[in-house]
């Protein structure tokens, strides 16, 4: 049974930082690309960051320079470090696992709420 479990969300003031974690089980973690998505109220889910199985990262423009994705393959965990947060970053954040060659995730986490107060 595949599980992706996010943690680390919460309430933070504008300008603050949070680190999200996503622990994976039931998959061969180190062969999966890991994606971070977010969905704000009334908006479509958007891809925020990707870290490939080889550790290459990519970010949507709105978070470049502020968010950093990393992974610890020994712990089957992916992280998203978020800094200089603004109210625009308020959303439910999801991690997702995607096999090589796929354009959409194979597995999703349940999401963790991030709320940035201004």
N, C-alpha and C. Protein backbone atom coordinates (compact mmCIF):
# COMPACT_ATOMS: atom_id res chain seq x y z
N UNK A 1 0.85 -1.19 0.00
CA UNK A 1 0.00 0.00 0.00
C UNK A 1 0.89 1.24 0.00
N UNK A 2 0.66 2.09 -0.97
CA UNK A 2 1.45 3.31 -1.09
C UNK A 2 0.87 4.40 -0.20
N UNK A 3 1.74 5.05 0.54
CA UNK A 3 1.33 6.19 1.34
C UNK A 3 2.31 7.34 1.19
N UNK A 4 1.78 8.51 1.01
CA UNK A 4 2.54 9.75 1.07
C UNK A 4 1.92 10.60 2.15
N UNK A 5 2.70 10.92 3.16
CA UNK A 5 2.15 11.63 4.32
C UNK A 5 2.90 12.94 4.50
N UNK A 6 2.18 14.04 4.28
CA UNK A 6 2.77 15.36 4.46
C UNK A 6 2.65 15.81 5.91
N UNK A 7 3.59 16.65 6.30
CA UNK A 7 3.54 17.28 7.61
C UNK A 7 4.29 18.60 7.53
N UNK A 8 4.12 19.40 8.58
CA UNK A 8 4.86 20.65 8.65
C UNK A 8 4.07 21.89 8.31
N UNK A 9 2.84 21.73 7.85
CA UNK A 9 2.04 22.90 7.56
C UNK A 9 1.60 23.60 8.84
N UNK A 10 0.99 24.76 8.65
CA UNK A 10 0.51 25.50 9.81
C UNK A 10 0.30 26.95 9.48
N UNK A 11 0.18 27.74 10.53
CA UNK A 11 -0.03 29.18 10.41
C UNK A 11 1.28 29.90 10.63
N UNK A 12 1.61 30.81 9.72
CA UNK A 12 2.86 31.55 9.82
C UNK A 12 2.60 32.99 9.38
N UNK A 13 3.34 33.90 9.95
CA UNK A 13 3.20 35.30 9.56
C UNK A 13 3.90 35.56 8.23
N UNK A 14 3.41 36.55 7.53
CA UNK A 14 4.05 36.95 6.28
C UNK A 14 5.53 37.24 6.53
N UNK A 15 6.35 36.77 5.61
CA UNK A 15 7.79 36.91 5.76
C UNK A 15 8.46 35.75 6.46
N UNK A 16 7.64 34.88 7.03
CA UNK A 16 8.17 33.75 7.77
C UNK A 16 8.50 32.56 6.89
N UNK A 17 8.86 31.47 7.56
CA UNK A 17 9.31 30.27 6.86
C UNK A 17 8.63 29.04 7.42
N UNK A 18 8.52 28.03 6.59
CA UNK A 18 8.05 26.71 7.00
C UNK A 18 8.81 25.67 6.20
N UNK A 19 8.91 24.50 6.78
CA UNK A 19 9.44 23.36 6.03
C UNK A 19 8.43 22.24 6.04
N UNK A 20 7.99 21.87 4.86
CA UNK A 20 7.08 20.74 4.71
C UNK A 20 7.88 19.47 4.50
N UNK A 21 7.34 18.39 5.02
CA UNK A 21 7.94 17.07 4.80
C UNK A 21 6.89 16.15 4.20
N UNK A 22 7.37 15.18 3.46
CA UNK A 22 6.48 14.18 2.88
C UNK A 22 7.20 12.84 2.97
N UNK A 23 6.66 11.97 3.80
CA UNK A 23 7.25 10.65 4.00
C UNK A 23 6.53 9.64 3.13
N UNK A 24 7.29 8.90 2.37
CA UNK A 24 6.73 7.93 1.43
C UNK A 24 6.95 6.51 1.93
N UNK A 25 5.98 5.67 1.67
CA UNK A 25 6.12 4.24 1.95
C UNK A 25 5.38 3.46 0.87
N UNK A 26 5.83 2.23 0.67
CA UNK A 26 5.17 1.38 -0.31
C UNK A 26 5.64 1.57 -1.74
N UNK A 27 6.65 2.42 -1.94
CA UNK A 27 7.22 2.63 -3.27
C UNK A 27 8.74 2.56 -3.17
N UNK A 28 9.37 2.30 -4.30
CA UNK A 28 10.83 2.39 -4.36
C UNK A 28 11.15 3.86 -4.55
N UNK A 29 11.30 4.54 -3.44
CA UNK A 29 11.30 6.00 -3.42
C UNK A 29 12.33 6.59 -4.37
N UNK A 30 13.52 6.01 -4.41
CA UNK A 30 14.59 6.69 -5.13
C UNK A 30 14.46 6.64 -6.64
N UNK A 31 13.44 5.96 -7.17
CA UNK A 31 13.24 5.99 -8.61
C UNK A 31 12.11 6.93 -9.02
N UNK A 32 11.48 7.54 -8.02
CA UNK A 32 10.37 8.44 -8.30
C UNK A 32 10.80 9.90 -8.29
N UNK A 33 10.31 10.64 -9.26
CA UNK A 33 10.35 12.09 -9.15
C UNK A 33 9.29 12.50 -8.15
N UNK A 34 9.57 13.53 -7.40
CA UNK A 34 8.62 13.99 -6.39
C UNK A 34 8.21 15.43 -6.71
N UNK A 35 6.91 15.64 -6.69
CA UNK A 35 6.35 16.95 -7.00
C UNK A 35 5.65 17.52 -5.78
N UNK A 36 5.70 18.83 -5.69
CA UNK A 36 4.90 19.55 -4.71
C UNK A 36 3.87 20.40 -5.47
N UNK A 37 2.63 20.21 -5.13
CA UNK A 37 1.54 21.00 -5.68
C UNK A 37 0.90 21.81 -4.55
N UNK A 38 0.13 22.80 -4.95
CA UNK A 38 -0.68 23.51 -3.98
C UNK A 38 -2.00 23.91 -4.61
N UNK A 39 -3.00 24.05 -3.75
CA UNK A 39 -4.31 24.48 -4.21
C UNK A 39 -4.88 25.47 -3.22
N UNK A 40 -5.07 26.68 -3.70
CA UNK A 40 -5.67 27.73 -2.89
C UNK A 40 -7.19 27.71 -3.11
N UNK A 41 -7.94 28.24 -2.15
CA UNK A 41 -9.41 28.25 -2.30
C UNK A 41 -9.84 28.94 -3.60
N UNK A 42 -10.70 28.26 -4.35
CA UNK A 42 -11.22 28.84 -5.57
C UNK A 42 -10.26 28.83 -6.74
N UNK A 43 -9.11 28.17 -6.56
CA UNK A 43 -8.12 28.16 -7.64
C UNK A 43 -7.77 26.73 -8.00
N UNK A 44 -7.22 26.57 -9.19
CA UNK A 44 -6.80 25.24 -9.63
C UNK A 44 -5.53 24.83 -8.93
N UNK A 45 -5.37 23.53 -8.81
CA UNK A 45 -4.14 23.01 -8.24
C UNK A 45 -3.00 23.34 -9.18
N UNK A 46 -1.89 23.79 -8.62
CA UNK A 46 -0.75 24.15 -9.43
C UNK A 46 0.50 23.43 -8.95
N UNK A 47 1.36 23.11 -9.91
CA UNK A 47 2.64 22.50 -9.61
C UNK A 47 3.60 23.59 -9.12
N UNK A 48 4.15 23.39 -7.95
CA UNK A 48 5.01 24.39 -7.33
C UNK A 48 6.48 24.05 -7.51
N UNK A 49 6.82 22.78 -7.28
CA UNK A 49 8.22 22.38 -7.32
C UNK A 49 8.31 20.92 -7.69
N UNK A 50 9.42 20.58 -8.30
CA UNK A 50 9.73 19.20 -8.66
C UNK A 50 11.17 18.91 -8.26
N UNK A 51 11.37 17.72 -7.74
CA UNK A 51 12.73 17.23 -7.55
C UNK A 51 12.78 15.86 -8.17
N UNK A 52 13.69 15.70 -9.12
CA UNK A 52 13.76 14.43 -9.83
C UNK A 52 14.41 13.36 -8.96
N UNK A 53 14.38 12.15 -9.47
CA UNK A 53 15.03 11.06 -8.74
C UNK A 53 16.52 11.31 -8.59
N UNK A 54 17.07 12.09 -9.51
CA UNK A 54 18.49 12.43 -9.45
C UNK A 54 18.79 13.70 -8.69
N UNK A 55 17.75 14.32 -8.14
CA UNK A 55 17.96 15.50 -7.31
C UNK A 55 17.92 16.83 -8.05
N UNK A 56 17.53 16.81 -9.31
CA UNK A 56 17.40 18.07 -10.04
C UNK A 56 16.08 18.72 -9.69
N UNK A 57 16.13 20.02 -9.44
CA UNK A 57 14.93 20.73 -9.00
C UNK A 57 14.45 21.73 -10.05
N UNK A 58 13.17 22.00 -9.99
CA UNK A 58 12.57 23.02 -10.84
C UNK A 58 11.41 23.61 -10.07
N UNK A 59 11.14 24.90 -10.34
CA UNK A 59 10.13 25.63 -9.57
C UNK A 59 9.27 26.48 -10.48
N UNK A 60 8.05 26.69 -10.06
CA UNK A 60 7.24 27.67 -10.75
C UNK A 60 7.80 29.06 -10.46
N UNK A 61 7.59 29.98 -11.37
CA UNK A 61 8.24 31.29 -11.26
C UNK A 61 7.93 32.01 -9.95
N UNK A 62 6.71 31.86 -9.47
CA UNK A 62 6.30 32.63 -8.30
C UNK A 62 7.02 32.23 -7.02
N UNK A 63 7.67 31.09 -7.01
CA UNK A 63 8.35 30.65 -5.79
C UNK A 63 9.87 30.55 -5.97
N UNK A 64 10.35 30.80 -7.15
CA UNK A 64 11.80 30.71 -7.37
C UNK A 64 12.54 31.67 -6.46
N UNK A 65 13.58 31.17 -5.85
CA UNK A 65 14.36 31.97 -4.92
C UNK A 65 13.81 31.96 -3.51
N UNK A 66 12.61 31.46 -3.33
CA UNK A 66 12.01 31.42 -1.99
C UNK A 66 11.78 30.00 -1.49
N UNK A 67 11.49 29.08 -2.39
CA UNK A 67 11.22 27.69 -2.03
C UNK A 67 12.39 26.81 -2.48
N UNK A 68 12.67 25.80 -1.68
CA UNK A 68 13.73 24.85 -2.01
C UNK A 68 13.24 23.43 -1.74
N UNK A 69 13.26 22.62 -2.76
CA UNK A 69 12.91 21.21 -2.60
C UNK A 69 14.17 20.39 -2.40
N UNK A 70 14.07 19.39 -1.54
CA UNK A 70 15.19 18.49 -1.33
C UNK A 70 14.63 17.12 -0.98
N UNK A 71 15.49 16.13 -0.99
CA UNK A 71 15.03 14.79 -0.68
C UNK A 71 16.12 14.03 0.06
N UNK A 72 15.67 13.11 0.89
CA UNK A 72 16.56 12.21 1.61
C UNK A 72 16.12 10.80 1.25
N UNK A 73 16.82 10.21 0.31
CA UNK A 73 16.40 8.89 -0.17
C UNK A 73 16.56 7.81 0.90
N UNK A 74 17.47 8.02 1.81
CA UNK A 74 17.66 7.04 2.89
C UNK A 74 16.45 7.01 3.82
N UNK A 75 15.74 8.13 3.90
CA UNK A 75 14.58 8.23 4.77
C UNK A 75 13.26 8.26 3.99
N UNK A 76 13.35 8.07 2.68
CA UNK A 76 12.14 8.09 1.84
C UNK A 76 11.31 9.34 2.08
N UNK A 77 11.99 10.46 2.16
CA UNK A 77 11.31 11.70 2.51
C UNK A 77 11.73 12.82 1.57
N UNK A 78 10.77 13.63 1.20
CA UNK A 78 11.03 14.83 0.41
C UNK A 78 10.60 16.04 1.24
N UNK A 79 11.30 17.14 1.03
CA UNK A 79 11.06 18.35 1.80
C UNK A 79 10.79 19.52 0.88
N UNK A 80 10.07 20.48 1.41
CA UNK A 80 9.90 21.76 0.73
C UNK A 80 10.14 22.86 1.75
N UNK A 81 11.25 23.53 1.61
CA UNK A 81 11.56 24.66 2.48
C UNK A 81 10.99 25.91 1.83
N UNK A 82 10.15 26.62 2.58
CA UNK A 82 9.48 27.81 2.07
C UNK A 82 9.88 29.00 2.92
N UNK A 83 10.31 30.05 2.28
CA UNK A 83 10.69 31.25 3.02
C UNK A 83 10.08 32.48 2.37
N UNK A 84 10.19 33.60 3.05
CA UNK A 84 9.60 34.87 2.57
C UNK A 84 8.16 34.67 2.15
N UNK A 85 7.42 33.99 2.99
CA UNK A 85 6.05 33.63 2.65
C UNK A 85 5.15 34.86 2.60
N UNK A 86 4.21 34.80 1.68
CA UNK A 86 3.20 35.85 1.56
C UNK A 86 1.81 35.21 1.61
N UNK A 87 0.81 36.05 1.68
CA UNK A 87 -0.56 35.53 1.72
C UNK A 87 -0.89 34.75 0.45
N UNK A 88 -0.20 35.06 -0.63
CA UNK A 88 -0.43 34.34 -1.89
C UNK A 88 0.03 32.89 -1.81
N UNK A 89 0.80 32.56 -0.81
CA UNK A 89 1.27 31.18 -0.64
C UNK A 89 0.28 30.34 0.18
N UNK A 90 -0.75 30.96 0.69
CA UNK A 90 -1.75 30.22 1.46
C UNK A 90 -2.46 29.22 0.56
N UNK A 91 -2.41 27.97 0.97
CA UNK A 91 -2.98 26.89 0.15
C UNK A 91 -2.84 25.57 0.91
N UNK A 92 -3.48 24.55 0.37
CA UNK A 92 -3.19 23.18 0.79
C UNK A 92 -2.06 22.68 -0.12
N UNK A 93 -1.03 22.18 0.51
CA UNK A 93 0.15 21.69 -0.22
C UNK A 93 0.12 20.16 -0.25
N UNK A 94 0.35 19.63 -1.44
CA UNK A 94 0.34 18.19 -1.65
C UNK A 94 1.69 17.73 -2.20
N UNK A 95 2.15 16.61 -1.72
CA UNK A 95 3.27 15.98 -2.41
C UNK A 95 2.72 14.86 -3.29
N UNK A 96 3.48 14.55 -4.32
CA UNK A 96 3.05 13.54 -5.28
C UNK A 96 4.27 12.82 -5.82
N UNK A 97 4.10 11.56 -6.12
CA UNK A 97 5.18 10.73 -6.65
C UNK A 97 4.89 10.39 -8.11
N UNK A 98 5.90 10.55 -8.92
CA UNK A 98 5.71 10.39 -10.36
C UNK A 98 6.87 9.57 -10.92
N UNK A 99 6.53 8.49 -11.62
CA UNK A 99 7.57 7.66 -12.19
C UNK A 99 8.18 8.33 -13.42
N UNK A 100 9.39 7.95 -13.71
CA UNK A 100 10.09 8.48 -14.87
C UNK A 100 9.25 8.30 -16.13
N UNK A 101 9.17 9.33 -16.92
CA UNK A 101 8.45 9.28 -18.18
C UNK A 101 6.99 9.67 -18.09
N UNK A 102 6.48 9.77 -16.88
CA UNK A 102 5.08 10.16 -16.71
C UNK A 102 4.98 11.66 -16.57
N UNK A 103 3.87 12.19 -17.06
CA UNK A 103 3.65 13.63 -16.96
C UNK A 103 2.73 13.99 -15.81
N UNK A 104 2.07 13.01 -15.23
CA UNK A 104 1.21 13.28 -14.09
C UNK A 104 1.54 12.28 -12.99
N UNK A 105 1.27 12.67 -11.74
CA UNK A 105 1.65 11.80 -10.63
C UNK A 105 0.93 10.46 -10.61
N UNK A 106 1.61 9.50 -10.04
CA UNK A 106 1.02 8.18 -9.81
C UNK A 106 0.35 8.12 -8.44
N UNK A 107 0.91 8.85 -7.50
CA UNK A 107 0.39 8.81 -6.13
C UNK A 107 0.39 10.22 -5.54
N UNK A 108 -0.59 10.42 -4.64
CA UNK A 108 -0.75 11.73 -3.99
C UNK A 108 -0.80 11.56 -2.48
N UNK A 109 -0.31 12.59 -1.80
CA UNK A 109 -0.54 12.68 -0.37
C UNK A 109 -1.88 13.31 -0.08
N UNK A 110 -2.19 13.41 1.19
CA UNK A 110 -3.49 13.93 1.60
C UNK A 110 -3.51 15.45 1.71
N UNK A 111 -2.34 16.05 1.72
CA UNK A 111 -2.26 17.51 1.78
C UNK A 111 -2.04 18.04 3.18
N UNK A 112 -1.41 19.19 3.25
CA UNK A 112 -1.21 19.88 4.52
C UNK A 112 -1.49 21.36 4.30
N UNK A 113 -2.20 21.96 5.22
CA UNK A 113 -2.62 23.35 5.07
C UNK A 113 -1.50 24.30 5.49
N UNK A 114 -1.24 25.27 4.64
CA UNK A 114 -0.32 26.36 4.95
C UNK A 114 -1.12 27.66 4.89
N UNK A 115 -1.12 28.39 5.98
CA UNK A 115 -1.84 29.66 6.03
C UNK A 115 -0.85 30.75 6.43
N UNK A 116 -0.77 31.76 5.59
CA UNK A 116 0.14 32.88 5.84
C UNK A 116 -0.70 34.09 6.19
N UNK A 117 -0.48 34.62 7.37
CA UNK A 117 -1.23 35.78 7.82
C UNK A 117 -0.46 37.05 7.50
N UNK A 118 -1.18 38.05 7.03
CA UNK A 118 -0.51 39.31 6.66
C UNK A 118 -0.61 40.32 7.79
